[in-house]
């Protein structure tokens, strides 16, 4: 992995920031990208290159990738980490917000892949690491659009894995469980805004409380972002990475249960975990 160039989107905080640091420590030349470069000053001080990038903007994404290629000769590893969680009942969430969720989590990811793939194909090697979620394999209450985006990430990743294998390019899906970060608080704010009043209010408050709790340092069902970052670094440096890595407390068991239990039984388990009455 010595000298390989890695681009990490969503690099200003959480999993993205820690992944950029760990990749740098592992010997990669790392570019962390986010919409606001000023939030990445600490990474700059640590020796990580920083790039202003909005994954929903074609010109911004193209400019960032072309700049990295001009400076470093190519991109060997793309970590598609940029994303957020939009929560609220499907009936309540405006389709403009649904579009924004898909633009960031799905189309932004695809845009970045399209931009780096010509160079990877020309070299006959590369790794694309797409950050999905255990929520790409099953759903939680009032998370319809978020889960739709992560299901799409899983499907796109499977398609890309088949398409890119003949060119020597690996496609990896990372499926974190609950992570202690600001992500939970942001999602809680979204669900309260979308469904905090009206017919879904009771569900919304129960879900928001669970999401808020996941951001607290003492929430035992969640893992630290460092755990996910270590898995990403492991996949980035592997000669033959696995197609999927279920990472963090609860991810692998929950995915397994979702596959073997009848839908209605699993629904009851998830509803109970989120404090939603049925």
Protein backbone atom coordinates (compact mmCIF):
# COMPACT_ATOMS: atom_id res chain seq x y z
CA UNK A 1 0.00 0.00 0.00
CA UNK A 2 3.03 2.28 0.17
CA UNK A 3 2.43 5.37 -1.94
CA UNK A 4 -1.10 4.47 -2.98
CA UNK A 5 -3.42 7.46 -3.27
CA UNK A 6 -6.74 7.39 -1.41
CA UNK A 7 -9.64 9.81 -1.67
CA UNK A 8 -12.10 9.90 1.25
CA UNK A 9 -15.35 11.83 0.78
CA UNK A 10 -17.19 13.21 3.80
CA UNK A 11 -13.80 13.69 5.41
CA UNK A 12 -14.58 16.59 7.75
CA UNK A 13 -15.91 14.54 10.68
CA UNK A 14 -16.83 11.13 12.06
CA UNK A 15 -15.92 8.02 10.13
CA UNK A 16 -14.49 9.99 7.21
CA UNK A 17 -12.09 12.07 9.29
CA UNK A 18 -10.83 9.09 11.29
CA UNK A 19 -10.49 6.96 8.16
CA UNK A 20 -8.37 9.67 6.51
CA UNK A 21 -6.08 9.76 9.55
CA UNK A 22 -5.75 5.98 9.72
CA UNK A 23 -5.08 5.63 5.99
CA UNK A 24 -2.38 8.29 6.31
CA UNK A 25 -0.83 6.43 9.24
CA UNK A 26 -0.92 3.23 7.15
CA UNK A 27 1.22 4.83 4.44
CA UNK A 28 -1.35 6.05 1.92
CA UNK A 29 -1.22 9.47 0.34
CA UNK A 30 -4.63 10.67 1.51
CA UNK A 31 -6.98 13.33 0.22
CA UNK A 32 -9.90 14.10 2.53
CA UNK A 33 -12.79 15.86 0.80
CA UNK A 34 -15.73 17.81 2.16
CA UNK A 35 -17.86 20.81 1.29
CA UNK A 36 -16.07 22.99 3.85
CA UNK A 37 -12.29 22.82 3.82
CA UNK A 38 -12.05 24.89 7.01
CA UNK A 39 -13.46 21.96 8.98
CA UNK A 40 -10.46 19.84 7.95
CA UNK A 41 -7.67 22.04 9.34
CA UNK A 42 -6.73 19.33 11.84
CA UNK A 43 -6.25 16.83 9.03
CA UNK A 44 -4.01 19.26 7.17
CA UNK A 45 -1.85 19.56 10.28
CA UNK A 46 -1.63 15.75 10.43
CA UNK A 47 -0.29 15.56 6.87
CA UNK A 48 -3.54 14.73 5.08
CA UNK A 49 -4.31 16.69 1.91
CA UNK A 50 -7.72 18.36 1.93
CA UNK A 51 -10.01 19.16 -0.99
CA UNK A 52 -13.23 21.13 -1.25
CA UNK A 53 -15.84 18.84 -2.76
CA UNK A 54 -19.63 18.67 -2.98
CA UNK A 55 -20.54 15.20 -4.24
CA UNK A 56 -23.89 16.48 -5.52
CA UNK A 57 -22.22 19.02 -7.82
CA UNK A 58 -20.74 17.68 -11.06
CA UNK A 59 -18.33 20.57 -11.56
CA UNK A 60 -17.10 20.45 -7.97
CA UNK A 61 -16.55 16.68 -8.09
CA UNK A 62 -14.79 16.79 -11.45
CA UNK A 63 -12.56 19.65 -10.36
CA UNK A 64 -11.53 17.81 -7.20
CA UNK A 65 -10.72 14.52 -8.96
CA UNK A 66 -8.83 16.20 -11.79
CA UNK A 67 -6.81 18.20 -9.28
CA UNK A 68 -5.82 15.09 -7.33
CA UNK A 69 -4.87 13.22 -10.50
CA UNK A 70 -2.78 16.15 -11.72
CA UNK A 71 -0.98 16.37 -8.39
CA UNK A 72 -0.54 12.68 -7.54
CA UNK A 73 -0.87 10.84 -10.84
CA UNK A 74 -4.05 8.92 -10.03
CA UNK A 75 -6.44 7.63 -7.40
CA UNK A 76 -5.96 4.04 -6.24
CA UNK A 77 -8.64 3.91 -3.53
CA UNK A 78 -11.96 5.75 -3.40
CA UNK A 79 -13.80 5.72 -0.08
CA UNK A 80 -17.38 6.84 -0.75
CA UNK A 81 -18.24 7.96 2.76
CA UNK A 82 -20.22 11.20 2.25
CA UNK A 83 -23.79 10.76 3.41
CA UNK A 84 -26.44 11.51 6.02
CA UNK A 85 -29.64 9.99 7.39
CA UNK A 86 -33.02 11.47 6.48
CA UNK A 87 -35.69 10.12 8.83
CA UNK A 88 -39.46 10.64 8.83
CA UNK A 89 -42.55 8.76 7.70
CA UNK A 90 -42.76 8.27 3.95
CA UNK A 91 -46.12 10.05 4.05
CA UNK A 92 -44.56 13.10 5.72
CA UNK A 93 -41.17 13.57 4.06
CA UNK A 94 -41.33 16.05 1.17
CA UNK A 95 -40.07 14.56 -2.07
CA UNK A 96 -37.58 17.40 -2.30
CA UNK A 97 -35.95 16.03 0.88
CA UNK A 98 -36.16 12.48 -0.50
CA UNK A 99 -34.39 13.70 -3.64
CA UNK A 100 -31.69 15.35 -1.53
CA UNK A 101 -31.15 12.09 0.36
CA UNK A 102 -30.72 10.12 -2.85
CA UNK A 103 -28.57 12.85 -4.42
CA UNK A 104 -26.01 12.60 -1.61
CA UNK A 105 -26.11 8.94 -0.62
CA UNK A 106 -26.62 7.34 -4.04
CA UNK A 107 -26.03 9.67 -6.98
CA UNK A 108 -23.09 11.40 -5.30
CA UNK A 109 -21.48 8.01 -4.74
CA UNK A 110 -22.08 7.00 -8.36
CA UNK A 111 -20.71 10.34 -9.60
CA UNK A 112 -17.45 9.85 -7.72
CA UNK A 113 -17.10 6.29 -9.03
CA UNK A 114 -17.66 7.45 -12.61
CA UNK A 115 -14.94 10.06 -12.25
CA UNK A 116 -12.23 7.77 -10.84
CA UNK A 117 -12.95 4.65 -12.88
CA UNK A 118 -11.32 5.64 -16.19
CA UNK A 119 -7.97 6.02 -14.45
CA UNK A 120 -8.39 2.77 -12.52
CA UNK A 121 -9.27 0.86 -15.68
CA UNK A 122 -6.26 2.32 -17.48
CA UNK A 123 -3.98 1.08 -14.69
CA UNK A 124 -5.76 -2.25 -14.32
CA UNK A 125 -6.20 -1.87 -10.58
CA UNK A 126 -8.09 0.03 -7.92
CA UNK A 127 -10.47 -0.30 -5.00
CA UNK A 128 -13.81 1.41 -4.51
CA UNK A 129 -15.11 1.23 -0.95
CA UNK A 130 -18.77 2.20 -0.55
CA UNK A 131 -19.99 2.98 2.95
CA UNK A 132 -23.42 1.44 3.32
CA UNK A 133 -24.92 0.36 6.65
CA UNK A 134 -26.53 -2.61 8.29
CA UNK A 135 -29.51 -0.46 7.30
CA UNK A 136 -28.78 -1.45 3.72
CA UNK A 137 -29.99 -4.94 4.59
CA UNK A 138 -33.06 -4.19 6.75
CA UNK A 139 -35.12 -1.15 7.77
CA UNK A 140 -35.88 0.68 10.99
CA UNK A 141 -39.03 2.68 11.80
CA UNK A 142 -39.47 6.00 9.95
CA UNK A 143 -36.22 5.53 8.03
CA UNK A 144 -37.72 4.76 4.64
CA UNK A 145 -35.75 7.15 2.47
CA UNK A 146 -32.47 6.57 4.31
CA UNK A 147 -32.84 2.83 3.93
CA UNK A 148 -33.90 3.17 0.30
CA UNK A 149 -30.64 5.01 -0.33
CA UNK A 150 -28.54 2.34 1.39
CA UNK A 151 -30.37 -0.52 -0.34
CA UNK A 152 -29.48 1.27 -3.58
CA UNK A 153 -25.83 1.51 -2.50
CA UNK A 154 -25.80 -2.25 -1.94
CA UNK A 155 -27.31 -2.93 -5.38
CA UNK A 156 -25.01 -0.51 -7.20
CA UNK A 157 -22.01 -2.01 -5.44
CA UNK A 158 -23.00 -5.54 -6.49
CA UNK A 159 -23.44 -4.41 -10.09
CA UNK A 160 -20.11 -2.57 -10.09
CA UNK A 161 -18.33 -5.58 -8.59
CA UNK A 162 -19.46 -7.72 -11.52
CA UNK A 163 -18.72 -5.05 -14.12
CA UNK A 164 -15.28 -4.10 -12.83
CA UNK A 165 -13.80 -7.50 -11.96
CA UNK A 166 -12.42 -7.99 -15.52
CA UNK A 167 -10.46 -4.74 -15.10
CA UNK A 168 -8.81 -5.74 -11.83
CA UNK A 169 -10.89 -3.31 -9.76
CA UNK A 170 -12.35 -4.38 -6.41
CA UNK A 171 -15.65 -3.05 -5.04
CA UNK A 172 -16.20 -3.33 -1.29
CA UNK A 173 -19.27 -2.58 0.83
CA UNK A 174 -18.83 -1.53 4.45
CA UNK A 175 -21.91 -2.17 6.62
CA UNK A 176 -21.48 -0.42 9.98
CA UNK A 177 -23.82 -0.99 12.89
CA UNK A 178 -24.82 1.84 15.21
CA UNK A 179 -21.95 4.31 15.57
CA UNK A 180 -21.38 6.95 18.26
CA UNK A 181 -21.31 10.16 16.26
CA UNK A 182 -23.33 13.26 15.43
CA UNK A 183 -25.11 11.21 12.75
CA UNK A 184 -27.70 10.01 15.28
CA UNK A 185 -28.48 13.52 16.53
CA UNK A 186 -28.87 14.82 12.98
CA UNK A 187 -31.22 11.95 12.09
CA UNK A 188 -33.22 12.58 15.29
CA UNK A 189 -33.64 16.22 14.32
CA UNK A 190 -34.82 15.14 10.87
CA UNK A 191 -37.47 12.75 12.22
CA UNK A 192 -38.82 15.30 14.69
CA UNK A 193 -39.05 17.92 11.97
CA UNK A 194 -40.78 15.62 9.47
CA UNK A 195 -43.10 13.59 11.73
CA UNK A 196 -43.00 15.18 15.19
CA UNK A 197 -46.64 16.18 14.92
CA UNK A 198 -49.56 14.40 13.34
CA UNK A 199 -50.36 10.67 13.15
CA UNK A 200 -46.75 9.50 13.41
CA UNK A 201 -45.79 11.74 16.36
CA UNK A 202 -45.58 8.93 18.93
CA UNK A 203 -43.38 6.81 16.66
CA UNK A 204 -41.26 9.83 15.76
CA UNK A 205 -40.48 10.69 19.37
CA UNK A 206 -39.59 7.08 20.22
CA UNK A 207 -37.29 6.82 17.19
CA UNK A 208 -35.75 10.25 17.88
CA UNK A 209 -34.92 9.27 21.46
CA UNK A 210 -33.19 6.10 20.25
CA UNK A 211 -31.24 8.01 17.60
CA UNK A 212 -30.23 10.69 20.10
CA UNK A 213 -29.08 8.01 22.56
CA UNK A 214 -26.84 6.43 19.91
CA UNK A 215 -24.76 9.61 19.81
CA UNK A 216 -23.97 9.52 23.54
CA UNK A 217 -20.59 8.17 24.71
CA UNK A 218 -22.31 5.79 27.15
CA UNK A 219 -24.59 4.14 24.57
CA UNK A 220 -23.45 0.52 24.86
CA UNK A 221 -25.16 -0.74 21.70
CA UNK A 222 -23.01 1.54 19.52
CA UNK A 223 -19.37 1.31 18.44
CA UNK A 224 -16.80 4.07 18.09
CA UNK A 225 -16.09 5.37 14.56
CA UNK A 226 -12.51 4.12 14.90
CA UNK A 227 -13.83 0.57 14.61
CA UNK A 228 -15.29 1.29 11.18
CA UNK A 229 -12.20 3.19 10.07
CA UNK A 230 -9.99 0.21 10.90
CA UNK A 231 -12.19 -2.00 8.73
CA UNK A 232 -11.96 0.45 5.83
CA UNK A 233 -8.18 0.59 6.10
CA UNK A 234 -8.05 -3.20 6.20
CA UNK A 235 -10.12 -3.43 3.02
CA UNK A 236 -8.10 -0.69 1.30
CA UNK A 237 -4.83 -2.53 1.91
CA UNK A 238 -6.03 -6.07 1.19
CA UNK A 239 -4.79 -7.86 -1.91
CA UNK A 240 -8.17 -9.57 -2.26
CA UNK A 241 -10.69 -7.71 -0.06
CA UNK A 242 -14.00 -9.26 0.85
CA UNK A 243 -17.05 -7.95 -0.96
CA UNK A 244 -18.73 -7.02 2.34
CA UNK A 245 -17.59 -6.13 5.85
CA UNK A 246 -20.26 -6.00 8.57
CA UNK A 247 -18.51 -3.88 11.19
CA UNK A 248 -19.35 -2.72 14.69
CA UNK A 249 -21.45 -3.93 17.57
CA UNK A 250 -24.61 -5.68 16.42
CA UNK A 251 -24.18 -5.37 12.66
CA UNK A 252 -23.45 -8.97 11.71
CA UNK A 253 -25.98 -10.52 14.16
CA UNK A 254 -28.75 -8.13 13.10
CA UNK A 255 -28.13 -8.78 9.40
CA UNK A 256 -28.15 -12.54 10.05
CA UNK A 257 -31.44 -12.34 11.97
CA UNK A 258 -33.03 -10.29 9.20
CA UNK A 259 -32.22 -13.08 6.77
CA UNK A 260 -33.51 -16.03 8.79
CA UNK A 261 -36.51 -14.70 10.73
CA UNK A 262 -39.95 -14.24 9.16
CA UNK A 263 -40.53 -10.60 8.22
CA UNK A 264 -43.23 -9.96 10.81
CA UNK A 265 -41.17 -11.47 13.61
CA UNK A 266 -38.16 -9.34 12.68
CA UNK A 267 -40.43 -6.29 12.39
CA UNK A 268 -41.52 -6.78 16.00
CA UNK A 269 -37.91 -7.06 17.19
CA UNK A 270 -36.90 -3.85 15.43
CA UNK A 271 -39.99 -1.97 16.60
CA UNK A 272 -39.27 -3.04 20.19
CA UNK A 273 -35.63 -1.97 19.89
CA UNK A 274 -36.78 1.50 18.88
CA UNK A 275 -39.49 1.69 21.53
CA UNK A 276 -42.26 1.78 18.94
CA UNK A 277 -45.57 0.31 20.05
CA UNK A 278 -47.38 -2.00 17.64
